[in-house]
Protein backbone atom coordinates (compact mmCIF):
# COMPACT_ATOMS: atom_id res chain seq x y z
CA MET A 1 46.84 59.96 20.45
CA THR A 2 50.48 59.54 21.35
CA ASP A 3 50.66 56.19 19.52
CA ALA A 4 49.36 57.61 16.22
CA PRO A 5 51.76 57.76 13.25
CA ALA A 6 53.82 60.90 12.84
CA PRO A 7 51.96 63.60 10.90
CA LEU A 8 53.11 64.66 7.45
CA ALA A 9 53.00 68.32 8.41
CA ASP A 10 54.46 69.17 11.82
CA PRO A 11 55.39 72.76 12.71
CA HIS A 12 57.79 71.47 15.39
CA LEU A 13 59.96 69.72 12.79
CA VAL A 14 62.08 71.56 10.22
CA TYR A 15 63.35 69.74 7.15
CA ASP A 16 66.22 71.67 5.55
CA PRO A 17 67.67 69.83 2.54
CA VAL A 18 70.16 72.58 1.65
CA ALA A 19 71.18 74.47 4.74
CA GLY A 20 73.26 77.57 4.22
CA ASP A 21 73.28 81.32 3.81
CA GLY A 22 71.72 83.29 0.98
CA PRO A 23 68.34 83.07 -0.75
CA LYS A 24 66.47 79.77 -0.94
CA ASP A 25 66.36 78.33 -4.45
CA VAL A 26 62.71 77.73 -5.34
CA VAL A 27 60.91 75.93 -8.18
CA ILE A 28 57.35 77.12 -8.86
CA LEU A 29 54.94 74.68 -10.50
CA GLY A 30 51.82 76.27 -11.98
CA SER A 31 53.49 79.66 -12.20
CA THR A 32 50.82 81.34 -14.36
CA GLY A 33 47.94 80.31 -12.08
CA SER A 34 46.60 82.10 -9.01
CA ILE A 35 49.05 80.53 -6.52
CA GLY A 36 52.00 80.87 -8.89
CA THR A 37 51.49 84.55 -9.70
CA GLN A 38 51.09 85.46 -6.03
CA ALA A 39 54.19 83.44 -5.13
CA ILE A 40 56.18 85.32 -7.75
CA ASP A 41 54.95 88.63 -6.34
CA LEU A 42 56.21 87.50 -2.92
CA VAL A 43 59.58 86.42 -4.33
CA LEU A 44 60.11 89.67 -6.23
CA ARG A 45 59.48 91.61 -3.02
CA ASN A 46 61.96 89.44 -1.11
CA PRO A 47 65.00 88.85 -3.36
CA ASP A 48 67.22 88.43 -0.32
CA ARG A 49 65.15 85.42 0.83
CA PHE A 50 64.11 83.61 -2.35
CA ARG A 51 65.50 82.93 -5.83
CA VAL A 52 63.43 81.09 -8.44
CA THR A 53 65.40 78.63 -10.54
CA ALA A 54 62.63 77.06 -12.62
CA LEU A 55 59.01 77.59 -13.60
CA SER A 56 56.38 75.26 -14.97
CA ALA A 57 52.97 75.96 -16.50
CA ASN A 58 50.41 74.25 -18.68
CA GLY A 59 51.03 76.57 -21.63
CA GLY A 60 47.82 78.51 -21.91
CA ARG A 61 49.43 81.87 -21.02
CA VAL A 62 52.71 81.86 -22.93
CA ALA A 63 53.32 85.63 -22.83
CA LEU A 64 52.96 85.69 -19.03
CA LEU A 65 55.23 82.66 -18.63
CA ALA A 66 57.94 84.31 -20.74
CA GLU A 67 57.62 87.55 -18.77
CA GLN A 68 57.95 85.64 -15.48
CA ALA A 69 61.01 83.75 -16.72
CA HIS A 70 62.69 86.99 -17.77
CA ARG A 71 61.92 88.90 -14.57
CA LEU A 72 63.13 86.02 -12.40
CA ARG A 73 66.07 85.04 -14.66
CA VAL A 74 65.27 81.35 -14.23
CA ARG A 75 67.43 78.53 -15.56
CA THR A 76 64.56 76.37 -16.82
CA VAL A 77 61.02 76.83 -18.11
CA ALA A 78 58.75 73.78 -18.34
CA VAL A 79 55.52 73.66 -20.30
CA ALA A 80 53.06 70.77 -20.53
CA ARG A 81 51.84 71.61 -24.04
CA GLU A 82 54.50 70.78 -26.58
CA ASP A 83 52.60 72.64 -29.31
CA VAL A 84 53.33 76.03 -27.69
CA VAL A 85 57.12 75.62 -27.60
CA PRO A 86 57.77 77.71 -30.78
CA GLU A 87 55.58 80.50 -29.42
CA LEU A 88 57.30 80.30 -26.03
CA ARG A 89 60.76 80.39 -27.57
CA GLU A 90 59.78 83.44 -29.62
CA ALA A 91 58.28 85.18 -26.57
CA LEU A 92 61.43 84.55 -24.55
CA ALA A 93 63.69 85.80 -27.33
CA ALA A 94 61.67 89.02 -27.53
CA ARG A 95 62.29 89.75 -23.87
CA TYR A 96 65.95 88.80 -23.51
CA GLY A 97 68.65 91.10 -24.81
CA ALA A 98 71.02 90.24 -27.62
CA GLY A 99 73.58 87.71 -26.49
CA GLU A 100 71.68 86.84 -23.30
CA PRO A 101 71.29 83.09 -22.89
CA LEU A 102 67.69 81.92 -22.96
CA PRO A 103 66.46 79.52 -20.28
CA GLU A 104 66.29 75.84 -21.03
CA ILE A 105 62.83 74.73 -22.23
CA LEU A 106 61.31 71.42 -21.19
CA ALA A 107 58.05 70.34 -22.79
CA GLY A 108 55.54 67.54 -22.47
CA PRO A 109 53.41 65.87 -19.81
CA ARG A 110 56.45 65.04 -17.64
CA ALA A 111 58.07 68.48 -17.85
CA ALA A 112 56.74 69.64 -14.45
CA THR A 113 57.88 66.37 -12.89
CA GLU A 114 61.40 66.91 -14.24
CA VAL A 115 61.76 70.41 -12.78
CA ALA A 116 60.21 69.23 -9.48
CA ALA A 117 63.24 66.97 -9.08
CA SER A 118 65.76 69.63 -10.16
CA ASP A 119 68.40 71.15 -7.90
CA CYS A 120 66.69 73.52 -5.44
CA HIS A 121 65.68 73.92 -1.81
CA THR A 122 61.88 74.16 -2.09
CA VAL A 123 59.29 73.13 -4.67
CA LEU A 124 56.01 75.03 -4.59
CA ASN A 125 53.39 72.80 -6.18
CA GLY A 126 50.64 75.19 -7.29
CA ILE A 127 49.25 72.95 -10.05
CA THR A 128 45.48 72.41 -10.03
CA GLY A 129 44.17 68.85 -10.17
CA SER A 130 45.46 65.33 -9.74
CA ILE A 131 48.07 65.85 -12.48
CA GLY A 132 50.10 67.34 -9.62
CA LEU A 133 50.69 63.88 -8.10
CA ALA A 134 53.75 62.96 -10.18
CA PRO A 135 55.55 66.27 -9.44
CA THR A 136 54.72 65.91 -5.74
CA LEU A 137 56.25 62.44 -5.62
CA ALA A 138 59.27 63.59 -7.66
CA ALA A 139 59.98 66.51 -5.31
CA LEU A 140 59.74 64.29 -2.23
CA GLU A 141 61.89 61.56 -3.74
CA ALA A 142 64.53 64.13 -4.72
CA GLY A 143 64.65 65.35 -1.11
CA ARG A 144 63.20 68.83 -1.68
CA THR A 145 61.06 70.69 0.82
CA LEU A 146 57.54 70.60 -0.65
CA ALA A 147 55.32 73.65 -0.24
CA LEU A 148 52.06 71.95 -1.12
CA ALA A 149 49.17 73.92 -2.60
CA ASN A 150 48.10 71.01 -4.84
CA LYS A 151 45.77 69.27 -2.39
CA GLU A 152 44.63 66.75 -5.01
CA SER A 153 48.02 65.04 -5.18
CA LEU A 154 47.88 64.29 -1.45
CA ILE A 155 44.26 63.21 -1.58
CA VAL A 156 44.53 60.79 -4.53
CA GLY A 157 47.95 59.46 -3.55
CA GLY A 158 47.94 59.74 0.23
CA PRO A 159 49.74 56.47 1.06
CA LEU A 160 52.27 57.09 -1.73
CA VAL A 161 53.03 60.57 -0.41
CA LYS A 162 53.24 59.36 3.20
CA ALA A 163 55.65 56.59 2.20
CA LEU A 164 58.09 59.11 0.65
CA ALA A 165 57.82 62.18 2.86
CA LYS A 166 60.36 62.69 5.61
CA PRO A 167 59.40 64.42 8.89
CA GLY A 168 58.89 68.12 8.26
CA GLN A 169 59.36 67.81 4.48
CA ILE A 170 55.83 69.00 3.61
CA ILE A 171 54.62 72.51 4.41
CA PRO A 172 50.92 73.05 3.55
CA VAL A 173 49.99 76.12 1.52
CA ASP A 174 46.18 75.94 1.52
CA SER A 175 44.97 78.80 3.72
CA GLU A 176 43.13 76.38 6.00
CA HIS A 177 46.02 73.99 6.41
CA ALA A 178 48.59 76.74 6.81
CA ALA A 179 46.35 78.03 9.60
CA LEU A 180 46.14 74.62 11.29
CA PHE A 181 49.90 74.22 10.86
CA GLN A 182 50.56 77.48 12.70
CA ALA A 183 48.00 76.88 15.45
CA LEU A 184 49.36 73.37 16.06
CA ALA A 185 52.72 74.92 16.95
CA ALA A 186 51.17 75.97 20.27
CA GLY A 187 50.92 72.44 21.66
CA THR A 188 51.82 68.80 21.30
CA ARG A 189 49.80 66.25 19.36
CA ALA A 190 48.55 64.78 22.62
CA ASP A 191 47.08 68.21 23.45
CA VAL A 192 44.85 68.32 20.35
CA ARG A 193 41.15 67.58 20.78
CA LYS A 194 39.77 68.79 17.46
CA LEU A 195 40.62 70.53 14.20
CA VAL A 196 38.08 73.12 13.06
CA VAL A 197 38.25 73.91 9.33
CA THR A 198 36.47 77.10 8.34
CA ALA A 199 34.50 77.58 5.12
CA SER A 200 33.27 80.83 3.63
CA GLY A 201 30.13 79.01 2.51
CA GLY A 202 30.76 80.10 -1.07
CA PRO A 203 28.33 82.17 -3.14
CA PHE A 204 25.32 80.04 -2.12
CA ARG A 205 25.56 80.14 1.65
CA GLY A 206 22.09 80.01 3.20
CA ARG A 207 20.35 78.55 0.15
CA THR A 208 18.39 75.34 0.33
CA ARG A 209 18.95 72.43 -2.03
CA GLN A 210 15.83 73.42 -3.93
CA GLU A 211 17.15 76.96 -4.38
CA LEU A 212 20.38 75.59 -5.84
CA ALA A 213 18.67 73.80 -8.72
CA ALA A 214 18.72 76.73 -11.14
CA VAL A 215 22.09 78.37 -10.39
CA THR A 216 24.27 79.21 -13.37
CA VAL A 217 27.98 78.95 -14.06
CA GLU A 218 28.25 82.72 -13.62
CA ASP A 219 26.56 82.43 -10.22
CA ALA A 220 28.96 79.67 -9.15
CA LEU A 221 32.02 81.67 -10.22
CA ALA A 222 31.05 84.70 -8.12
CA HIS A 223 32.92 83.78 -4.95
CA PRO A 224 32.30 86.38 -2.21
CA THR A 225 35.81 86.56 -0.74
CA TRP A 226 38.48 84.71 -2.76
CA ALA A 227 39.79 85.25 -6.30
CA MET A 228 40.71 81.78 -7.59
CA GLY A 229 40.75 79.70 -10.75
CA PRO A 230 37.40 78.48 -12.16
CA VAL A 231 37.72 74.84 -11.02
CA ILE A 232 38.58 75.73 -7.42
CA THR A 233 35.89 78.43 -7.38
CA ILE A 234 33.18 75.97 -8.48
CA ASN A 235 34.51 73.44 -5.95
CA SER A 236 34.03 76.13 -3.33
CA ALA A 237 30.46 76.67 -4.51
CA THR A 238 29.63 72.96 -4.11
CA LEU A 239 31.83 72.75 -0.98
CA VAL A 240 33.66 69.84 -2.60
CA ASN A 241 36.76 71.91 -1.94
CA LYS A 242 35.99 71.79 1.79
CA GLY A 243 35.49 68.04 1.59
CA LEU A 244 38.89 67.68 -0.04
CA GLU A 245 40.37 69.82 2.73
CA VAL A 246 38.90 67.53 5.40
CA ILE A 247 40.62 64.55 3.75
CA GLU A 248 43.81 66.61 3.44
CA ALA A 249 43.70 67.57 7.14
CA HIS A 250 43.32 63.92 8.11
CA LEU A 251 46.32 62.94 5.98
CA LEU A 252 48.53 65.87 7.00
CA TYR A 253 47.92 65.74 10.75
CA ASP A 254 46.75 62.15 11.38
CA ILE A 255 43.64 63.32 13.18
CA PRO A 256 40.59 61.01 12.86
CA PHE A 257 37.71 62.22 10.70
CA ASP A 258 35.34 62.41 13.67
CA ARG A 259 37.64 65.03 15.21
CA ILE A 260 37.73 67.29 12.13
CA GLU A 261 34.83 69.74 12.05
CA VAL A 262 33.74 72.20 9.33
CA VAL A 263 32.27 75.56 10.39
CA VAL A 264 30.95 78.26 8.04
CA HIS A 265 32.64 81.63 8.52
CA PRO A 266 31.50 84.08 5.78
CA GLN A 267 34.14 86.75 6.40
CA SER A 268 37.03 84.32 5.75
CA TYR A 269 39.13 86.06 8.41
CA VAL A 270 39.68 82.99 10.58
CA HIS A 271 41.25 80.40 8.31
CA SER A 272 41.00 77.47 10.73
CA MET A 273 41.24 76.64 14.43
CA VAL A 274 42.68 74.01 16.76
CA GLU A 275 40.80 73.06 19.91
CA PHE A 276 43.05 71.72 22.66
CA THR A 277 42.20 69.32 25.46
CA ASP A 278 42.31 72.05 28.13
CA GLY A 279 39.42 73.88 26.42
CA SER A 280 41.55 76.48 24.66
CA THR A 281 40.95 77.14 20.96
CA LEU A 282 43.64 78.83 18.86
CA ALA A 283 42.50 80.57 15.69
CA GLN A 284 44.76 81.80 12.90
CA ALA A 285 43.38 84.97 11.34
CA THR A 286 44.37 87.36 8.54
CA PRO A 287 42.44 89.24 5.86
CA PRO A 288 41.77 86.93 2.87
CA ASP A 289 45.05 86.86 0.93
CA MET A 290 46.96 83.80 -0.22
CA ARG A 291 50.37 85.45 0.02
CA GLY A 292 50.40 84.75 3.76
CA PRO A 293 50.05 80.95 3.40
CA ILE A 294 52.49 81.01 0.47
CA ALA A 295 55.03 82.82 2.65
CA ILE A 296 54.64 80.12 5.33
CA GLY A 297 55.21 77.44 2.68
CA LEU A 298 58.33 79.07 1.27
CA GLY A 299 59.84 80.61 4.40
CA TRP A 300 59.11 78.28 7.33
CA PRO A 301 60.42 78.23 10.05
CA GLU A 302 61.05 81.92 9.40
CA ARG A 303 58.24 84.38 8.77
CA VAL A 304 58.39 86.79 5.83
CA PRO A 305 57.78 90.39 6.99
CA ASP A 306 54.82 92.15 5.35
CA ALA A 307 53.95 89.08 3.29
CA ALA A 308 50.22 89.85 3.49
CA PRO A 309 47.93 92.62 4.73
CA THR A 310 46.92 92.96 8.39
CA PHE A 311 43.71 93.95 10.17
CA ASP A 312 42.93 97.53 11.08
CA TRP A 313 41.93 96.98 14.70
CA SER A 314 40.78 100.60 15.05
CA LYS A 315 37.70 99.74 12.94
CA ALA A 316 34.73 97.73 14.18
CA SER A 317 34.08 94.40 12.50
CA THR A 318 31.85 91.37 12.98
CA TRP A 319 33.02 87.78 12.67
CA GLU A 320 30.27 85.19 12.25
CA PHE A 321 30.24 81.38 12.53
CA PHE A 322 27.46 79.05 11.41
CA PRO A 323 26.96 75.28 11.31
CA LEU A 324 27.33 73.62 7.92
CA ASP A 325 24.08 72.71 6.11
CA ASN A 326 24.86 69.12 5.13
CA GLU A 327 21.52 68.66 3.36
CA ALA A 328 22.15 71.49 0.89
CA PHE A 329 25.87 70.68 0.67
CA PRO A 330 26.36 66.91 1.10
CA SER A 331 29.86 66.96 -0.40
CA VAL A 332 31.67 67.24 2.96
CA ASN A 333 30.03 64.13 4.41
CA LEU A 334 30.66 62.29 1.13
CA ALA A 335 34.34 63.26 1.38
CA ARG A 336 34.51 61.92 4.95
CA HIS A 337 33.06 58.62 3.71
CA VAL A 338 35.56 58.51 0.84
CA GLY A 339 38.44 59.36 3.16
CA GLU A 340 37.50 56.55 5.53
CA LEU A 341 37.31 54.09 2.61
CA ALA A 342 40.84 55.22 1.60
CA GLY A 343 42.63 53.21 -1.12
CA THR A 344 41.55 54.45 -4.55
CA ALA A 345 38.25 55.93 -3.32
CA PRO A 346 39.65 59.49 -2.94
CA ALA A 347 41.06 59.30 -6.48
CA VAL A 348 37.65 58.24 -7.79
CA PHE A 349 35.94 61.05 -5.88
CA ASN A 350 38.37 63.69 -7.14
CA ALA A 351 38.46 62.51 -10.78
CA ALA A 352 34.68 62.23 -11.04
CA ASN A 353 34.34 65.71 -9.57
CA GLU A 354 36.82 67.19 -12.07
CA GLU A 355 34.81 65.71 -14.95
CA CYS A 356 31.50 66.90 -13.51
CA VAL A 357 32.79 70.43 -12.92
CA GLU A 358 33.88 70.61 -16.55
CA ALA A 359 30.47 69.29 -17.65
CA PHE A 360 28.77 71.99 -15.55
CA ARG A 361 31.01 74.67 -17.06
CA THR A 362 30.02 73.61 -20.58
CA GLY A 363 26.32 73.38 -19.79
CA ALA A 364 26.11 69.58 -19.95
CA LEU A 365 25.25 69.16 -16.27
CA PRO A 366 23.18 71.24 -13.81
CA PHE A 367 24.76 72.47 -10.61
CA LEU A 368 23.13 69.85 -8.40
CA GLY A 369 24.16 67.23 -10.93
CA ILE A 370 27.82 67.69 -9.94
CA ILE A 371 27.63 66.13 -6.49
CA ASP A 372 24.78 63.77 -7.45
CA THR A 373 26.89 62.28 -10.23
CA VAL A 374 30.02 62.12 -8.09
CA THR A 375 28.04 60.30 -5.40
CA GLN A 376 26.83 57.71 -7.91
CA VAL A 377 30.35 57.13 -9.25
CA VAL A 378 31.69 56.67 -5.70
CA GLU A 379 28.91 54.22 -4.86
CA GLU A 380 29.53 52.19 -8.02
CA HIS A 381 33.24 52.06 -7.24
CA GLY A 382 32.48 50.36 -3.96
CA THR A 383 35.04 49.49 -1.30
CA PRO A 384 38.60 49.84 -2.64
CA ALA A 385 41.62 47.72 -1.90
CA ALA A 386 43.58 48.51 1.25
CA GLY A 387 45.31 51.88 1.05
CA THR A 388 48.62 50.54 2.30
CA SER A 389 49.10 48.61 -0.95
CA LEU A 390 48.24 51.54 -3.20
CA THR A 391 50.41 52.07 -6.29
CA VAL A 392 50.58 54.81 -8.91
CA PRO A 393 49.05 52.47 -11.55
CA ASP A 394 46.17 51.79 -9.11
CA VAL A 395 45.50 55.52 -8.85
CA LEU A 396 45.68 56.06 -12.61
CA GLU A 397 43.41 53.12 -13.34
CA ALA A 398 40.85 54.29 -10.79
CA GLU A 399 40.93 57.82 -12.15
CA THR A 400 40.49 56.62 -15.73
CA TRP A 401 37.48 54.52 -14.77
CA ALA A 402 35.94 57.33 -12.70
CA ARG A 403 36.34 59.89 -15.48
CA ALA A 404 34.82 57.57 -18.06
CA ARG A 405 31.91 56.64 -15.80
CA ALA A 406 31.26 60.29 -14.90
CA ARG A 407 31.17 61.19 -18.60
CA GLU A 408 28.73 58.34 -19.29
CA LEU A 409 26.41 59.52 -16.54
CA THR A 410 26.75 63.15 -17.63
CA ASP A 411 25.90 62.27 -21.23
CA ARG A 412 22.87 60.36 -20.00
CA THR A 413 21.72 63.36 -17.97
CA ALA A 414 22.22 65.72 -20.91
CA SER A 415 20.27 63.41 -23.24
CA ALA A 416 17.40 63.12 -20.76
CA GLU A 417 17.21 66.91 -20.41
CA ALA A 418 17.28 67.33 -24.19
CA ARG A 419 14.29 64.98 -24.53
CA ALA A 420 12.34 66.70 -21.75
């Protein structure tokens, strides 16, 4: 273990690009999403610690974006959809007083990438999907600390991210990886025997594969413990999200796949665990609330007081752990296979899944068809080129092929069901 490459995320190393007194300047990507809105809540409660300089969003919630920009008094607002710029400018003007300068507006598919490289201390990447790769690379190349909630950018571009990141530059924001990050602080890398990633089991925990055949979109969106966006929520229902987290844990901590275990924990109190070579296991636990992991991402190595709720230890509670049913939920083992293939295989896996989730949401694909179709796309892709030679064009080409092939297979499934 001691000869393994240095991990991307190491709690013993602190990367501080702009040391000094006063609040940390922060850029929030995906500000109108679940991670972004909770990050802003944390910032507004801690103005002495954090100051937001720029926001980015897709453009689907213009009124909220304008409100955030005004409350935070940001310098720049970036929006991916150029068509909403007039509406955004009008919404900003309605909130700012006469004579107050409006923030700069950047628009287009590269707008988030531009603000990710802007002058700040920390970039919080809360974008959903592989479109977060370019901003991730831009933040790292610009020398910013990267609070990473966008797991897809690491998964599809792992070698690219590892080539750019300096020791301690990435702080994970996923609840599971923030938990591992904190537990790993208790020992050295040579002390680690196993990483244990917990999963709530989603809304379908305990169901057999046969029982999953008729579930609806509404069923899949009814997550028992977490309030998240629709794509992540459906990924949690298929456990694709947990498969992505296994790949992410491997990339962040350089632990082999056979030493990363997934355990079902319905209460979602224990967010992950580290088993050490002496037999000790350290678990990181809090009530389900993403503001805790966000506070780790923005504040490390300092902790933010009262960032998230705590347990009431005067009340009895039961914490349960179950083995993962790999027959009903084969996505985790598929992700391990994809992670071991490396190269463009993770990009293919992720892109095909994104297409299949959208097809399920629109009624074009049954629930079980998501992972079945993704599996077929991965198998057709075959063994990719060596990951060490991966380039951004390689990733984009693989994603384009995977999306097109997933759509072809989805259309074929929909046509067959229509004829039945």
